[in-house]
Amino acid sequence: MNDELTTYFMKHFDTLSHIFLLLGFVVGIIGILKMRYEVTSQFLIILALAVFYLLWGVVYHDRKKDLTLKLFLEYFLLASIATVVGFLVFLR
């Protein structure tokens, strides 16, 4: 049973990984909408989403064995931009 599950997961790794990413963002969006009157909480959710995105990218590409410094910096840059925009929108 374990071998079948492992084989299935590895065969569908890309699809399952991207579904996990999408679900994480959906949970974050729901959190932002539920905290619509608490700007500090909204910013913290944006920060958590940025960290989630960065960690997801590192783990995803590490598992695929194609993680490079350039790729890490791309994920870091996008997460940083999202954090700065979140700061400017929600805390200013």
N, C-alpha and C. Protein backbone atom coordinates (compact mmCIF):
# COMPACT_ATOMS: atom_id res chain seq x y z
N MET A 1 0.82 -1.20 0.00
CA MET A 1 0.00 0.00 0.00
C MET A 1 0.87 1.26 0.00
N ASN A 2 1.91 1.30 0.82
CA ASN A 2 2.79 2.46 0.87
C ASN A 2 3.49 2.70 -0.46
N ASP A 3 3.93 1.63 -1.12
CA ASP A 3 4.61 1.78 -2.40
C ASP A 3 3.66 2.35 -3.46
N GLU A 4 2.41 1.92 -3.42
CA GLU A 4 1.43 2.44 -4.37
C GLU A 4 1.19 3.93 -4.14
N LEU A 5 1.08 4.32 -2.89
CA LEU A 5 0.86 5.72 -2.56
C LEU A 5 2.06 6.58 -2.97
N THR A 6 3.25 6.08 -2.70
CA THR A 6 4.47 6.81 -3.09
C THR A 6 4.57 6.93 -4.60
N THR A 7 4.27 5.87 -5.30
CA THR A 7 4.32 5.89 -6.76
C THR A 7 3.30 6.88 -7.31
N TYR A 8 2.09 6.87 -6.75
CA TYR A 8 1.06 7.80 -7.20
C TYR A 8 1.49 9.24 -6.94
N PHE A 9 2.03 9.51 -5.75
CA PHE A 9 2.45 10.87 -5.41
C PHE A 9 3.56 11.36 -6.34
N MET A 10 4.53 10.52 -6.60
CA MET A 10 5.65 10.95 -7.46
C MET A 10 5.19 11.14 -8.90
N LYS A 11 4.23 10.36 -9.33
CA LYS A 11 3.72 10.49 -10.70
C LYS A 11 2.95 11.80 -10.86
N HIS A 12 2.27 12.22 -9.81
CA HIS A 12 1.43 13.42 -9.86
C HIS A 12 2.00 14.55 -9.00
N PHE A 13 3.30 14.56 -8.80
CA PHE A 13 3.95 15.53 -7.91
C PHE A 13 3.65 16.97 -8.30
N ASP A 14 3.81 17.30 -9.58
CA ASP A 14 3.58 18.68 -10.02
C ASP A 14 2.15 19.13 -9.75
N THR A 15 1.20 18.31 -10.13
CA THR A 15 -0.21 18.66 -9.95
C THR A 15 -0.55 18.82 -8.48
N LEU A 16 -0.15 17.86 -7.66
CA LEU A 16 -0.46 17.93 -6.22
C LEU A 16 0.23 19.11 -5.56
N SER A 17 1.45 19.41 -5.97
CA SER A 17 2.18 20.54 -5.39
C SER A 17 1.49 21.86 -5.71
N HIS A 18 1.04 22.00 -6.95
CA HIS A 18 0.39 23.25 -7.33
C HIS A 18 -1.01 23.37 -6.71
N ILE A 19 -1.68 22.27 -6.51
CA ILE A 19 -2.97 22.30 -5.80
C ILE A 19 -2.74 22.76 -4.36
N PHE A 20 -1.67 22.26 -3.72
CA PHE A 20 -1.33 22.68 -2.36
C PHE A 20 -1.04 24.18 -2.32
N LEU A 21 -0.31 24.69 -3.30
CA LEU A 21 -0.01 26.13 -3.37
C LEU A 21 -1.30 26.93 -3.53
N LEU A 22 -2.17 26.49 -4.42
CA LEU A 22 -3.43 27.18 -4.64
C LEU A 22 -4.29 27.17 -3.38
N LEU A 23 -4.37 26.04 -2.70
CA LEU A 23 -5.14 25.98 -1.46
C LEU A 23 -4.58 26.91 -0.39
N GLY A 24 -3.25 27.00 -0.31
CA GLY A 24 -2.63 27.92 0.63
C GLY A 24 -3.01 29.36 0.36
N PHE A 25 -3.02 29.73 -0.92
CA PHE A 25 -3.41 31.10 -1.27
C PHE A 25 -4.90 31.34 -1.02
N VAL A 26 -5.73 30.35 -1.27
CA VAL A 26 -7.17 30.49 -1.00
C VAL A 26 -7.41 30.70 0.49
N VAL A 27 -6.72 29.92 1.33
CA VAL A 27 -6.85 30.10 2.78
C VAL A 27 -6.39 31.51 3.18
N GLY A 28 -5.31 31.98 2.58
CA GLY A 28 -4.84 33.33 2.87
C GLY A 28 -5.83 34.41 2.45
N ILE A 29 -6.43 34.26 1.28
CA ILE A 29 -7.41 35.23 0.81
C ILE A 29 -8.63 35.23 1.71
N ILE A 30 -9.07 34.06 2.12
CA ILE A 30 -10.20 33.98 3.05
C ILE A 30 -9.85 34.67 4.37
N GLY A 31 -8.62 34.46 4.84
CA GLY A 31 -8.18 35.13 6.06
C GLY A 31 -8.18 36.64 5.92
N ILE A 32 -7.72 37.13 4.79
CA ILE A 32 -7.71 38.59 4.55
C ILE A 32 -9.14 39.13 4.54
N LEU A 33 -10.04 38.40 3.90
CA LEU A 33 -11.44 38.86 3.84
C LEU A 33 -12.10 38.81 5.22
N LYS A 34 -11.81 37.80 6.01
CA LYS A 34 -12.40 37.70 7.35
C LYS A 34 -11.87 38.79 8.28
N MET A 35 -10.66 39.25 8.06
CA MET A 35 -10.05 40.28 8.90
C MET A 35 -10.12 41.66 8.24
N ARG A 36 -11.18 41.91 7.50
CA ARG A 36 -11.24 43.12 6.68
C ARG A 36 -11.18 44.43 7.46
N TYR A 37 -11.46 44.40 8.75
CA TYR A 37 -11.40 45.63 9.53
C TYR A 37 -10.17 45.70 10.43
N GLU A 38 -9.29 44.73 10.32
CA GLU A 38 -8.07 44.70 11.14
C GLU A 38 -6.86 44.72 10.21
N VAL A 39 -6.34 45.90 9.95
CA VAL A 39 -5.29 46.04 8.96
C VAL A 39 -3.99 45.36 9.39
N THR A 40 -3.70 45.35 10.68
CA THR A 40 -2.49 44.68 11.15
C THR A 40 -2.59 43.18 10.90
N SER A 41 -3.74 42.60 11.16
CA SER A 41 -3.94 41.17 10.90
C SER A 41 -3.84 40.87 9.41
N GLN A 42 -4.39 41.74 8.60
CA GLN A 42 -4.30 41.54 7.15
C GLN A 42 -2.84 41.56 6.69
N PHE A 43 -2.07 42.49 7.22
CA PHE A 43 -0.66 42.54 6.84
C PHE A 43 0.07 41.29 7.30
N LEU A 44 -0.23 40.80 8.49
CA LEU A 44 0.41 39.58 8.98
C LEU A 44 0.05 38.38 8.11
N ILE A 45 -1.17 38.35 7.60
CA ILE A 45 -1.56 37.28 6.69
C ILE A 45 -0.79 37.39 5.38
N ILE A 46 -0.64 38.61 4.88
CA ILE A 46 0.17 38.82 3.65
C ILE A 46 1.59 38.36 3.90
N LEU A 47 2.15 38.69 5.05
CA LEU A 47 3.50 38.27 5.39
C LEU A 47 3.59 36.74 5.45
N ALA A 48 2.60 36.11 6.07
CA ALA A 48 2.57 34.64 6.14
C ALA A 48 2.46 34.03 4.75
N LEU A 49 1.66 34.63 3.88
CA LEU A 49 1.55 34.13 2.51
C LEU A 49 2.87 34.26 1.75
N ALA A 50 3.58 35.35 1.98
CA ALA A 50 4.87 35.53 1.31
C ALA A 50 5.88 34.48 1.78
N VAL A 51 5.89 34.22 3.08
CA VAL A 51 6.79 33.19 3.62
C VAL A 51 6.38 31.81 3.11
N PHE A 52 5.08 31.55 3.07
CA PHE A 52 4.57 30.28 2.54
C PHE A 52 5.01 30.09 1.10
N TYR A 53 4.88 31.14 0.28
CA TYR A 53 5.26 31.08 -1.13
C TYR A 53 6.76 30.80 -1.28
N LEU A 54 7.56 31.48 -0.49
CA LEU A 54 9.01 31.28 -0.54
C LEU A 54 9.38 29.86 -0.14
N LEU A 55 8.82 29.39 0.95
CA LEU A 55 9.11 28.02 1.40
C LEU A 55 8.59 26.98 0.42
N TRP A 56 7.41 27.21 -0.14
CA TRP A 56 6.87 26.28 -1.12
C TRP A 56 7.81 26.19 -2.33
N GLY A 57 8.27 27.33 -2.81
CA GLY A 57 9.16 27.33 -3.97
C GLY A 57 10.46 26.60 -3.69
N VAL A 58 11.03 26.81 -2.51
CA VAL A 58 12.29 26.14 -2.16
C VAL A 58 12.08 24.63 -2.06
N VAL A 59 11.04 24.22 -1.36
CA VAL A 59 10.79 22.78 -1.19
C VAL A 59 10.45 22.14 -2.53
N TYR A 60 9.60 22.79 -3.31
CA TYR A 60 9.19 22.25 -4.61
C TYR A 60 10.39 22.03 -5.52
N HIS A 61 11.23 23.03 -5.65
CA HIS A 61 12.37 22.90 -6.56
C HIS A 61 13.47 22.02 -5.98
N ASP A 62 13.57 21.96 -4.67
CA ASP A 62 14.52 21.03 -4.06
C ASP A 62 14.11 19.58 -4.35
N ARG A 63 12.82 19.29 -4.24
CA ARG A 63 12.33 17.93 -4.53
C ARG A 63 12.52 17.58 -6.01
N LYS A 64 12.43 18.59 -6.87
CA LYS A 64 12.63 18.35 -8.30
C LYS A 64 14.11 18.36 -8.68
N LYS A 65 14.96 18.68 -7.72
CA LYS A 65 16.42 18.72 -7.90
C LYS A 65 16.86 19.78 -8.92
N ASP A 66 16.14 20.89 -8.96
CA ASP A 66 16.56 21.96 -9.86
C ASP A 66 16.62 23.33 -9.16
N LEU A 67 16.80 23.30 -7.84
CA LEU A 67 16.90 24.53 -7.08
C LEU A 67 18.28 25.16 -7.30
N THR A 68 18.27 26.41 -7.71
CA THR A 68 19.51 27.17 -7.90
C THR A 68 19.41 28.47 -7.10
N LEU A 69 20.52 29.13 -6.93
CA LEU A 69 20.53 30.41 -6.22
C LEU A 69 19.67 31.43 -6.96
N LYS A 70 19.76 31.43 -8.28
CA LYS A 70 18.97 32.36 -9.08
C LYS A 70 17.47 32.13 -8.86
N LEU A 71 17.05 30.88 -8.84
CA LEU A 71 15.65 30.55 -8.63
C LEU A 71 15.21 30.96 -7.22
N PHE A 72 16.05 30.70 -6.22
CA PHE A 72 15.74 31.12 -4.86
C PHE A 72 15.57 32.63 -4.78
N LEU A 73 16.48 33.36 -5.44
CA LEU A 73 16.40 34.82 -5.42
C LEU A 73 15.14 35.34 -6.11
N GLU A 74 14.69 34.65 -7.14
CA GLU A 74 13.43 35.03 -7.80
C GLU A 74 12.26 34.88 -6.84
N TYR A 75 12.19 33.75 -6.16
CA TYR A 75 11.11 33.54 -5.18
C TYR A 75 11.22 34.56 -4.05
N PHE A 76 12.44 34.82 -3.58
CA PHE A 76 12.65 35.78 -2.50
C PHE A 76 12.23 37.19 -2.94
N LEU A 77 12.57 37.56 -4.17
CA LEU A 77 12.21 38.88 -4.68
C LEU A 77 10.70 39.04 -4.77
N LEU A 78 10.00 38.05 -5.30
CA LEU A 78 8.54 38.13 -5.39
C LEU A 78 7.90 38.18 -4.00
N ALA A 79 8.40 37.39 -3.08
CA ALA A 79 7.86 37.42 -1.71
C ALA A 79 8.13 38.79 -1.06
N SER A 80 9.29 39.35 -1.32
CA SER A 80 9.62 40.67 -0.77
C SER A 80 8.74 41.76 -1.35
N ILE A 81 8.50 41.71 -2.65
CA ILE A 81 7.62 42.69 -3.30
C ILE A 81 6.21 42.60 -2.71
N ALA A 82 5.71 41.38 -2.55
CA ALA A 82 4.37 41.20 -1.97
C ALA A 82 4.32 41.76 -0.55
N THR A 83 5.37 41.57 0.21
CA THR A 83 5.41 42.09 1.59
C THR A 83 5.42 43.60 1.59
N VAL A 84 6.21 44.21 0.74
CA VAL A 84 6.28 45.68 0.68
C VAL A 84 4.94 46.25 0.23
N VAL A 85 4.33 45.64 -0.79
CA VAL A 85 3.03 46.12 -1.26
C VAL A 85 1.99 45.95 -0.15
N GLY A 86 2.01 44.82 0.53
CA GLY A 86 1.10 44.62 1.65
C GLY A 86 1.28 45.66 2.74
N PHE A 87 2.53 45.99 3.02
CA PHE A 87 2.82 47.03 4.01
C PHE A 87 2.25 48.37 3.57
N LEU A 88 2.49 48.73 2.31
CA LEU A 88 2.03 50.03 1.81
C LEU A 88 0.50 50.10 1.76
N VAL A 89 -0.14 49.00 1.44
CA VAL A 89 -1.59 49.00 1.33
C VAL A 89 -2.27 48.93 2.70
N PHE A 90 -1.79 48.04 3.58
CA PHE A 90 -2.52 47.76 4.80
C PHE A 90 -2.04 48.54 6.02
N LEU A 91 -0.81 49.00 6.04
CA LEU A 91 -0.32 49.66 7.25
C LEU A 91 -0.06 51.15 7.08
N ARG A 92 -0.24 51.66 5.92
CA ARG A 92 0.02 53.07 5.71
C ARG A 92 -1.14 53.93 6.00
